[in-house]
C-alpha atoms as a PDB file:
ATOM      1  CA  MET A   1     -52.973 -10.672 -13.534  1.00  0.00           C
ATOM      2  CA  SER A   2     -50.707  -7.806 -14.517  1.00  0.00           C
ATOM      3  CA  PRO A   3     -51.101  -4.389 -12.838  1.00  0.00           C
ATOM      4  CA  ALA A   4     -51.622  -2.620 -16.194  1.00  0.00           C
ATOM      5  CA  PRO A   5     -55.452  -2.956 -16.363  1.00  0.00           C
ATOM      6  CA  LYS A   6     -55.782  -1.538 -12.850  1.00  0.00           C
ATOM      7  CA  LEU A   7     -53.441   1.322 -13.726  1.00  0.00           C
ATOM      8  CA  ASP A   8     -55.426   2.139 -16.897  1.00  0.00           C
ATOM      9  CA  LYS A   9     -58.629   2.188 -14.876  1.00  0.00           C
ATOM     10  CA  PHE A  10     -57.012   4.603 -12.414  1.00  0.00           C
ATOM     11  CA  LYS A  11     -55.532   6.892 -15.141  1.00  0.00           C
ATOM     12  CA  LYS A  12     -58.947   7.777 -16.556  1.00  0.00           C
ATOM     13  CA  TYR A  13     -59.520  10.022 -13.511  1.00  0.00           C
ATOM     14  CA  PHE A  14     -56.504  12.177 -14.317  1.00  0.00           C
ATOM     15  CA  HIS A  15     -56.862  14.141 -17.535  1.00  0.00           C
ATOM     16  CA  LYS A  16     -53.843  16.106 -18.581  1.00  0.00           C
ATOM     17  CA  LYS A  17     -54.870  19.581 -19.726  1.00  0.00           C
ATOM     18  CA  GLN A  18     -53.995  20.309 -23.304  1.00  0.00           C
ATOM     19  CA  SER A  19     -51.280  22.918 -23.668  1.00  0.00           C
ATOM     20  CA  ILE A  20     -52.347  26.254 -25.089  1.00  0.00           C
ATOM     21  CA  GLN A  21     -51.942  26.188 -28.848  1.00  0.00           C
ATOM     22  CA  GLU A  22     -53.535  29.479 -29.805  1.00  0.00           C
ATOM     23  CA  ILE A  23     -54.403  32.899 -28.405  1.00  0.00           C
ATOM     24  CA  VAL A  24     -57.771  34.211 -29.559  1.00  0.00           C
ATOM     25  CA  ARG A  25     -58.927  37.814 -29.185  1.00  0.00           C
ATOM     26  CA  GLU A  26     -62.651  38.354 -28.801  1.00  0.00           C
ATOM     27  CA  PRO A  27     -63.918  41.935 -28.962  1.00  0.00           C
ATOM     28  CA  THR A  28     -67.299  42.335 -27.277  1.00  0.00           C
ATOM     29  CA  ALA A  29     -69.559  45.200 -26.218  1.00  0.00           C
ATOM     30  CA  GLY A  30     -72.393  45.683 -23.785  1.00  0.00           C
ATOM     31  CA  GLY A  31     -74.226  48.136 -21.637  1.00  0.00           C
ATOM     32  CA  ILE A  32     -74.989  49.135 -18.109  1.00  0.00           C
ATOM     33  CA  VAL A  33     -78.708  49.551 -18.688  1.00  0.00           C
ATOM     34  CA  PHE A  34     -80.683  51.685 -16.247  1.00  0.00           C
ATOM     35  CA  ARG A  35     -84.153  53.064 -15.710  1.00  0.00           C
ATOM     36  CA  ARG A  36     -85.872  55.113 -13.039  1.00  0.00           C
ATOM     37  CA  ASN A  37     -88.693  53.396 -11.178  1.00  0.00           C
ATOM     38  CA  LYS A  38     -91.960  55.042 -10.075  1.00  0.00           C
ATOM     39  CA  THR A  39     -90.268  56.665  -7.070  1.00  0.00           C
ATOM     40  CA  GLY A  40     -87.417  58.006  -9.227  1.00  0.00           C
ATOM     41  CA  ASP A  41     -84.789  55.562  -7.968  1.00  0.00           C
ATOM     42  CA  VAL A  42     -82.229  54.129 -10.383  1.00  0.00           C
ATOM     43  CA  GLU A  43     -82.558  50.448 -11.262  1.00  0.00           C
ATOM     44  CA  ILE A  44     -80.015  48.399 -13.203  1.00  0.00           C
ATOM     45  CA  LEU A  45     -80.823  45.521 -15.566  1.00  0.00           C
ATOM     46  CA  LEU A  46     -78.843  42.350 -14.926  1.00  0.00           C
ATOM     47  CA  ILE A  47     -78.941  38.998 -16.650  1.00  0.00           C
ATOM     48  CA  GLN A  48     -78.077  35.687 -15.011  1.00  0.00           C
ATOM     49  CA  ASP A  49     -75.961  33.461 -17.214  1.00  0.00           C
ATOM     50  CA  ALA A  50     -76.113  29.665 -17.457  1.00  0.00           C
ATOM     51  CA  LYS A  51     -73.606  29.397 -14.571  1.00  0.00           C
ATOM     52  CA  ASP A  52     -75.869  31.571 -12.348  1.00  0.00           C
ATOM     53  CA  ARG A  53     -73.557  34.605 -12.487  1.00  0.00           C
ATOM     54  CA  TRP A  54     -75.255  38.013 -12.645  1.00  0.00           C
ATOM     55  CA  THR A  55     -73.808  40.285 -15.313  1.00  0.00           C
ATOM     56  CA  ILE A  56     -74.775  42.895 -17.904  1.00  0.00           C
ATOM     57  CA  PRO A  57     -76.078  42.292 -21.448  1.00  0.00           C
ATOM     58  CA  LYS A  58     -73.101  41.978 -23.794  1.00  0.00           C
ATOM     59  CA  GLY A  59     -71.965  40.059 -26.844  1.00  0.00           C
ATOM     60  CA  HIS A  60     -69.524  39.688 -29.701  1.00  0.00           C
ATOM     61  CA  ILE A  61     -68.863  42.531 -32.108  1.00  0.00           C
ATOM     62  CA  GLU A  62     -69.763  41.385 -35.604  1.00  0.00           C
ATOM     63  CA  GLU A  63     -67.837  42.189 -38.776  1.00  0.00           C
ATOM     64  CA  GLY A  64     -68.314  45.840 -39.802  1.00  0.00           C
ATOM     65  CA  GLU A  65     -70.166  46.725 -36.593  1.00  0.00           C
ATOM     66  CA  ALA A  66     -69.106  49.524 -34.235  1.00  0.00           C
ATOM     67  CA  ALA A  67     -68.937  48.672 -30.522  1.00  0.00           C
ATOM     68  CA  ALA A  68     -71.872  50.981 -29.672  1.00  0.00           C
ATOM     69  CA  GLN A  69     -73.994  49.268 -32.361  1.00  0.00           C
ATOM     70  CA  THR A  70     -73.116  45.895 -30.845  1.00  0.00           C
ATOM     71  CA  ALA A  71     -74.122  47.055 -27.361  1.00  0.00           C
ATOM     72  CA  ARG A  72     -77.480  48.300 -28.685  1.00  0.00           C
ATOM     73  CA  ARG A  73     -78.078  45.070 -30.670  1.00  0.00           C
ATOM     74  CA  GLU A  74     -77.122  42.786 -27.772  1.00  0.00           C
ATOM     75  CA  ILE A  75     -79.409  44.656 -25.338  1.00  0.00           C
ATOM     76  CA  GLY A  76     -82.222  44.167 -27.843  1.00  0.00           C
ATOM     77  CA  GLU A  77     -81.425  40.472 -28.363  1.00  0.00           C
ATOM     78  CA  GLU A  78     -80.700  39.544 -24.749  1.00  0.00           C
ATOM     79  CA  ALA A  79     -83.321  41.637 -22.972  1.00  0.00           C
ATOM     80  CA  GLY A  80     -85.912  42.540 -25.607  1.00  0.00           C
ATOM     81  CA  LEU A  81     -85.246  46.260 -25.028  1.00  0.00           C
ATOM     82  CA  THR A  82     -85.047  48.181 -28.305  1.00  0.00           C
ATOM     83  CA  ASP A  83     -86.131  51.655 -27.145  1.00  0.00           C
ATOM     84  CA  VAL A  84     -82.862  52.792 -25.561  1.00  0.00           C
ATOM     85  CA  ASP A  85     -80.677  55.890 -25.404  1.00  0.00           C
ATOM     86  CA  MET A  86     -76.957  55.281 -25.849  1.00  0.00           C
ATOM     87  CA  LEU A  87     -75.527  57.862 -23.446  1.00  0.00           C
ATOM     88  CA  GLY A  88     -71.832  57.315 -23.981  1.00  0.00           C
ATOM     89  CA  TRP A  89     -68.856  55.076 -23.411  1.00  0.00           C
ATOM     90  CA  LEU A  90     -67.966  54.187 -19.815  1.00  0.00           C
ATOM     91  CA  GLY A  91     -64.794  52.186 -20.340  1.00  0.00           C
ATOM     92  CA  LYS A  92     -63.524  48.772 -21.271  1.00  0.00           C
ATOM     93  CA  ILE A  93     -62.739  45.674 -19.309  1.00  0.00           C
ATOM     94  CA  HIS A  94     -60.418  42.784 -20.069  1.00  0.00           C
ATOM     95  CA  PHE A  95     -60.634  39.219 -18.969  1.00  0.00           C
ATOM     96  CA  ARG A  96     -59.235  35.939 -20.123  1.00  0.00           C
ATOM     97  CA  TYR A  97     -60.269  32.346 -19.920  1.00  0.00           C
ATOM     98  CA  ARG A  98     -59.267  29.011 -21.331  1.00  0.00           C
ATOM     99  CA  ARG A  99     -61.290  27.221 -24.005  1.00  0.00           C
ATOM    100  CA  LEU A 100     -59.725  23.786 -24.525  1.00  0.00           C
ATOM    101  CA  ASP A 101     -56.334  24.501 -26.157  1.00  0.00           C
ATOM    102  CA  LYS A 102     -57.000  28.238 -26.670  1.00  0.00           C
ATOM    103  CA  LEU A 103     -56.397  31.213 -24.423  1.00  0.00           C
ATOM    104  CA  VAL A 104     -59.249  33.647 -25.049  1.00  0.00           C
ATOM    105  CA  LEU A 105     -58.503  37.333 -24.423  1.00  0.00           C
ATOM    106  CA  MET A 106     -61.805  39.172 -24.228  1.00  0.00           C
ATOM    107  CA  THR A 107     -62.126  42.954 -24.327  1.00  0.00           C
ATOM    108  CA  THR A 108     -65.571  44.384 -23.588  1.00  0.00           C
ATOM    109  CA  GLN A 109     -66.507  47.989 -24.406  1.00  0.00           C
ATOM    110  CA  ILE A 110     -69.149  49.139 -21.913  1.00  0.00           C
ATOM    111  CA  TYR A 111     -71.719  51.892 -22.569  1.00  0.00           C
ATOM    112  CA  LEU A 112     -74.188  53.741 -20.388  1.00  0.00           C
ATOM    113  CA  VAL A 113     -77.682  52.984 -21.689  1.00  0.00           C
ATOM    114  CA  ARG A 114     -81.058  54.361 -20.599  1.00  0.00           C
ATOM    115  CA  ALA A 115     -84.048  52.088 -21.207  1.00  0.00           C
ATOM    116  CA  ARG A 116     -87.223  53.826 -22.348  1.00  0.00           C
ATOM    117  CA  GLY A 117     -90.766  52.781 -23.136  1.00  0.00           C
ATOM    118  CA  ASP A 118     -92.162  49.687 -21.447  1.00  0.00           C
ATOM    119  CA  THR A 119     -89.092  48.633 -19.484  1.00  0.00           C
ATOM    120  CA  ASN A 120     -91.050  45.876 -17.740  1.00  0.00           C
ATOM    121  CA  ALA A 121     -91.394  44.037 -21.060  1.00  0.00           C
ATOM    122  CA  ILE A 122     -87.973  42.421 -20.656  1.00  0.00           C
ATOM    123  CA  GLN A 123     -87.634  38.857 -21.859  1.00  0.00           C
ATOM    124  CA  LYS A 124     -84.749  36.503 -21.317  1.00  0.00           C
ATOM    125  CA  GLU A 125     -83.101  34.367 -23.936  1.00  0.00           C
ATOM    126  CA  GLU A 126     -83.249  30.576 -23.580  1.00  0.00           C
ATOM    127  CA  TRP A 127     -79.640  30.215 -22.352  1.00  0.00           C
ATOM    128  CA  MET A 128     -80.172  32.615 -19.426  1.00  0.00           C
ATOM    129  CA  ASN A 129     -81.208  31.613 -15.935  1.00  0.00           C
ATOM    130  CA  GLY A 130     -82.724  35.010 -15.196  1.00  0.00           C
ATOM    131  CA  ILE A 131     -83.169  38.670 -16.074  1.00  0.00           C
ATOM    132  CA  ARG A 132     -84.290  41.377 -13.642  1.00  0.00           C
ATOM    133  CA  TRP A 133     -84.219  45.027 -12.709  1.00  0.00           C
ATOM    134  CA  PHE A 134     -82.444  45.632  -9.386  1.00  0.00           C
ATOM    135  CA  PRO A 135     -82.057  48.693  -7.189  1.00  0.00           C
ATOM    136  CA  PHE A 136     -78.559  50.084  -7.846  1.00  0.00           C
ATOM    137  CA  ALA A 137     -76.995  48.957  -4.534  1.00  0.00           C
ATOM    138  CA  GLU A 138     -78.354  45.431  -4.921  1.00  0.00           C
ATOM    139  CA  ALA A 139     -77.142  45.209  -8.534  1.00  0.00           C
ATOM    140  CA  LEU A 140     -73.691  46.368  -7.444  1.00  0.00           C
ATOM    141  CA  ASP A 141     -73.685  43.683  -4.766  1.00  0.00           C
ATOM    142  CA  LEU A 142     -74.815  40.932  -7.173  1.00  0.00           C
ATOM    143  CA  ILE A 143     -72.505  41.688 -10.114  1.00  0.00           C
ATOM    144  CA  GLU A 144     -69.965  38.893 -10.463  1.00  0.00           C
ATOM    145  CA  TYR A 145     -67.202  40.855 -12.149  1.00  0.00           C
ATOM    146  CA  GLU A 146     -65.342  43.474 -10.121  1.00  0.00           C
ATOM    147  CA  ASP A 147     -64.374  45.490 -13.228  1.00  0.00           C
ATOM    148  CA  ILE A 148     -68.038  45.810 -14.244  1.00  0.00           C
ATOM    149  CA  GLY A 149     -68.828  46.885 -10.682  1.00  0.00           C
ATOM    150  CA  LYS A 150     -66.282  49.704 -10.964  1.00  0.00           C
ATOM    151  CA  LEU A 151     -67.900  50.874 -14.212  1.00  0.00           C
ATOM    152  CA  MET A 152     -71.326  50.708 -12.541  1.00  0.00           C
ATOM    153  CA  LEU A 153     -70.052  53.192  -9.946  1.00  0.00           C
ATOM    154  CA  ILE A 154     -68.843  55.487 -12.747  1.00  0.00           C
ATOM    155  CA  ALA A 155     -72.250  55.087 -14.435  1.00  0.00           C
ATOM    156  CA  MET A 156     -74.086  56.063 -11.238  1.00  0.00           C
ATOM    157  CA  LYS A 157     -71.866  59.118 -10.819  1.00  0.00           C
ATOM    158  CA  ARG A 158     -72.746  60.230 -14.366  1.00  0.00           C
ATOM    159  CA  ILE A 159     -76.454  59.560 -13.812  1.00  0.00           C
ATOM    160  CA  ARG A 160     -76.387  61.762 -10.686  1.00  0.00           C
ATOM    161  CA  GLN A 161     -74.140  64.524 -12.068  1.00  0.00           C
ATOM    162  CA  GLU A 162     -76.029  64.839 -15.333  1.00  0.00           C
ATOM    163  CA  GLY A 163     -79.499  64.320 -13.859  1.00  0.00           C
ATOM    164  CA  LEU A 164     -80.218  61.398 -16.193  1.00  0.00           C
END
């Protein structure tokens, strides 16, 4: 018996990654959504993605849509919150990841957003593992992305300084 069949059997465990063929830019927008609870403390809304990472509601900017409109729409779609105040731009973050033979460069515009009305009526989309309001310090601790954490600190500073 030749060694080739054994070698073929062994090779299936070693997949060579495809080389990057294309660079794709994906503009997205989202919001650091906050509310004040009954005692007046700030709470932040986080969603848990399919990989169990806690993050903020965000999504792709559609054709002809401004980033702030996208943030508002995504918060409505991902959390069921439509009664919100868009309180201004906080900054943008960049991250990249690989999708098969593409390098995806994602830029996310982040806004400060105050939830109004019945803020307990949040509802998660099917792809999410969770959605919850957290006290600010706990949300900051749970957030998976350091750059979003930095913007959360800026958001909290604005909330305090402007008495939001």
